[in-house]
């Protein structure tokens, strides 16, 4: 997968923060990113599915949910969504 332009990645990162804080309202937005996993933010399996589904909808990425199971952290999630075909 090729690396997305910085503006696409930044937009995707903002969407991730927006979606995570909607589904996990108690999470400090400054903690969303980096090498943290959604589990580290308190997301259970249902929360994680809701987050991924909302992100797929908002980014218009067409990818199976199984593609997300091996992503190690939020930065990897952002990179995946930023570089995925629409």
C-alpha atoms as a PDB file:
ATOM      1  CA  UNK A   1       0.000   0.000   0.000  1.00  0.00           C
ATOM      2  CA  UNK A   2       1.343   3.422  -0.908  1.00  0.00           C
ATOM      3  CA  UNK A   3       1.558   6.197   1.624  1.00  0.00           C
ATOM      4  CA  UNK A   4      -1.258   8.730   1.529  1.00  0.00           C
ATOM      5  CA  UNK A   5      -0.554  12.438   1.103  1.00  0.00           C
ATOM      6  CA  UNK A   6      -0.203  14.265   4.440  1.00  0.00           C
ATOM      7  CA  UNK A   7      -3.505  16.129   4.015  1.00  0.00           C
ATOM      8  CA  UNK A   8      -5.412  12.859   3.450  1.00  0.00           C
ATOM      9  CA  UNK A   9      -3.765  11.272   6.468  1.00  0.00           C
ATOM     10  CA  UNK A  10      -4.479  14.339   8.641  1.00  0.00           C
ATOM     11  CA  UNK A  11      -8.130  14.327   7.560  1.00  0.00           C
ATOM     12  CA  UNK A  12      -8.388  10.610   8.326  1.00  0.00           C
ATOM     13  CA  UNK A  13      -6.769  11.121  11.741  1.00  0.00           C
ATOM     14  CA  UNK A  14      -9.369  13.801  12.535  1.00  0.00           C
ATOM     15  CA  UNK A  15     -12.152  11.423  11.504  1.00  0.00           C
ATOM     16  CA  UNK A  16     -10.748   8.701  13.758  1.00  0.00           C
ATOM     17  CA  UNK A  17     -10.693  11.091  16.728  1.00  0.00           C
ATOM     18  CA  UNK A  18     -14.228  12.257  15.925  1.00  0.00           C
ATOM     19  CA  UNK A  19     -15.647   8.730  15.665  1.00  0.00           C
ATOM     20  CA  UNK A  20     -13.823   7.381  18.718  1.00  0.00           C
ATOM     21  CA  UNK A  21     -14.982  10.273  20.900  1.00  0.00           C
ATOM     22  CA  UNK A  22     -18.571   9.805  19.682  1.00  0.00           C
ATOM     23  CA  UNK A  23     -18.553   6.127  20.619  1.00  0.00           C
ATOM     24  CA  UNK A  24     -16.299   6.483  23.680  1.00  0.00           C
ATOM     25  CA  UNK A  25     -17.244   9.946  24.991  1.00  0.00           C
ATOM     26  CA  UNK A  26     -15.057   9.678  28.092  1.00  0.00           C
ATOM     27  CA  UNK A  27     -11.822   9.359  26.106  1.00  0.00           C
ATOM     28  CA  UNK A  28      -9.513  12.368  25.951  1.00  0.00           C
ATOM     29  CA  UNK A  29      -9.055  13.134  22.223  1.00  0.00           C
ATOM     30  CA  UNK A  30      -5.344  13.770  22.819  1.00  0.00           C
ATOM     31  CA  UNK A  31      -4.923  10.086  23.668  1.00  0.00           C
ATOM     32  CA  UNK A  32      -6.304   8.858  20.338  1.00  0.00           C
ATOM     33  CA  UNK A  33      -3.392   7.998  18.104  1.00  0.00           C
ATOM     34  CA  UNK A  34       0.102   6.712  18.144  1.00  0.00           C
ATOM     35  CA  UNK A  35       0.884   3.215  19.262  1.00  0.00           C
ATOM     36  CA  UNK A  36      -2.272   2.897  21.372  1.00  0.00           C
ATOM     37  CA  UNK A  37      -4.848   0.325  20.382  1.00  0.00           C
ATOM     38  CA  UNK A  38      -8.578   0.943  20.656  1.00  0.00           C
ATOM     39  CA  UNK A  39      -8.554  -1.567  23.535  1.00  0.00           C
ATOM     40  CA  UNK A  40      -6.127   0.738  25.382  1.00  0.00           C
ATOM     41  CA  UNK A  41      -8.791   3.443  25.224  1.00  0.00           C
ATOM     42  CA  UNK A  42     -11.384   1.160  26.803  1.00  0.00           C
ATOM     43  CA  UNK A  43     -13.123  -0.023  23.630  1.00  0.00           C
ATOM     44  CA  UNK A  44     -14.626  -3.471  23.988  1.00  0.00           C
ATOM     45  CA  UNK A  45     -15.258  -5.695  20.969  1.00  0.00           C
ATOM     46  CA  UNK A  46     -18.665  -4.147  20.231  1.00  0.00           C
ATOM     47  CA  UNK A  47     -17.210  -0.625  20.483  1.00  0.00           C
ATOM     48  CA  UNK A  48     -14.402  -1.569  18.106  1.00  0.00           C
ATOM     49  CA  UNK A  49     -16.844  -2.934  15.522  1.00  0.00           C
ATOM     50  CA  UNK A  50     -18.948   0.243  15.796  1.00  0.00           C
ATOM     51  CA  UNK A  51     -15.856   2.425  15.407  1.00  0.00           C
ATOM     52  CA  UNK A  52     -14.613   0.534  12.343  1.00  0.00           C
ATOM     53  CA  UNK A  53     -18.081   0.474  10.744  1.00  0.00           C
ATOM     54  CA  UNK A  54     -18.484   4.231  11.264  1.00  0.00           C
ATOM     55  CA  UNK A  55     -15.019   4.895   9.855  1.00  0.00           C
ATOM     56  CA  UNK A  56     -15.694   2.744   6.792  1.00  0.00           C
ATOM     57  CA  UNK A  57     -18.903   4.692   6.221  1.00  0.00           C
ATOM     58  CA  UNK A  58     -17.339   8.132   6.679  1.00  0.00           C
ATOM     59  CA  UNK A  59     -14.229   7.417   4.625  1.00  0.00           C
ATOM     60  CA  UNK A  60     -16.147   5.471   1.969  1.00  0.00           C
ATOM     61  CA  UNK A  61     -13.510   2.748   2.160  1.00  0.00           C
ATOM     62  CA  UNK A  62     -14.710  -0.623   0.931  1.00  0.00           C
ATOM     63  CA  UNK A  63     -12.874  -3.203   3.010  1.00  0.00           C
ATOM     64  CA  UNK A  64     -13.982  -6.248   4.980  1.00  0.00           C
ATOM     65  CA  UNK A  65     -13.976  -6.001   8.763  1.00  0.00           C
ATOM     66  CA  UNK A  66     -11.419  -8.812   8.850  1.00  0.00           C
ATOM     67  CA  UNK A  67      -8.827  -6.439   7.341  1.00  0.00           C
ATOM     68  CA  UNK A  68      -8.806  -4.534  10.616  1.00  0.00           C
ATOM     69  CA  UNK A  69      -8.189  -7.406  13.009  1.00  0.00           C
ATOM     70  CA  UNK A  70      -4.411  -7.427  12.588  1.00  0.00           C
ATOM     71  CA  UNK A  71      -3.808  -3.678  12.796  1.00  0.00           C
ATOM     72  CA  UNK A  72      -1.593  -3.210  15.853  1.00  0.00           C
ATOM     73  CA  UNK A  73      -2.436   0.385  16.758  1.00  0.00           C
ATOM     74  CA  UNK A  74      -4.354   3.532  15.882  1.00  0.00           C
ATOM     75  CA  UNK A  75      -1.576   4.884  13.654  1.00  0.00           C
ATOM     76  CA  UNK A  76      -1.821   1.691  11.587  1.00  0.00           C
ATOM     77  CA  UNK A  77      -5.593   2.133  11.413  1.00  0.00           C
ATOM     78  CA  UNK A  78      -5.162   5.693  10.137  1.00  0.00           C
ATOM     79  CA  UNK A  79      -2.546   4.596   7.587  1.00  0.00           C
ATOM     80  CA  UNK A  80      -4.767   1.766   6.381  1.00  0.00           C
ATOM     81  CA  UNK A  81      -7.817   4.001   5.941  1.00  0.00           C
ATOM     82  CA  UNK A  82      -5.756   6.787   4.342  1.00  0.00           C
ATOM     83  CA  UNK A  83      -4.249   4.514   1.723  1.00  0.00           C
ATOM     84  CA  UNK A  84      -7.222   2.292   1.002  1.00  0.00           C
ATOM     85  CA  UNK A  85      -9.018   2.555  -2.334  1.00  0.00           C
ATOM     86  CA  UNK A  86     -12.363   4.323  -2.238  1.00  0.00           C
END
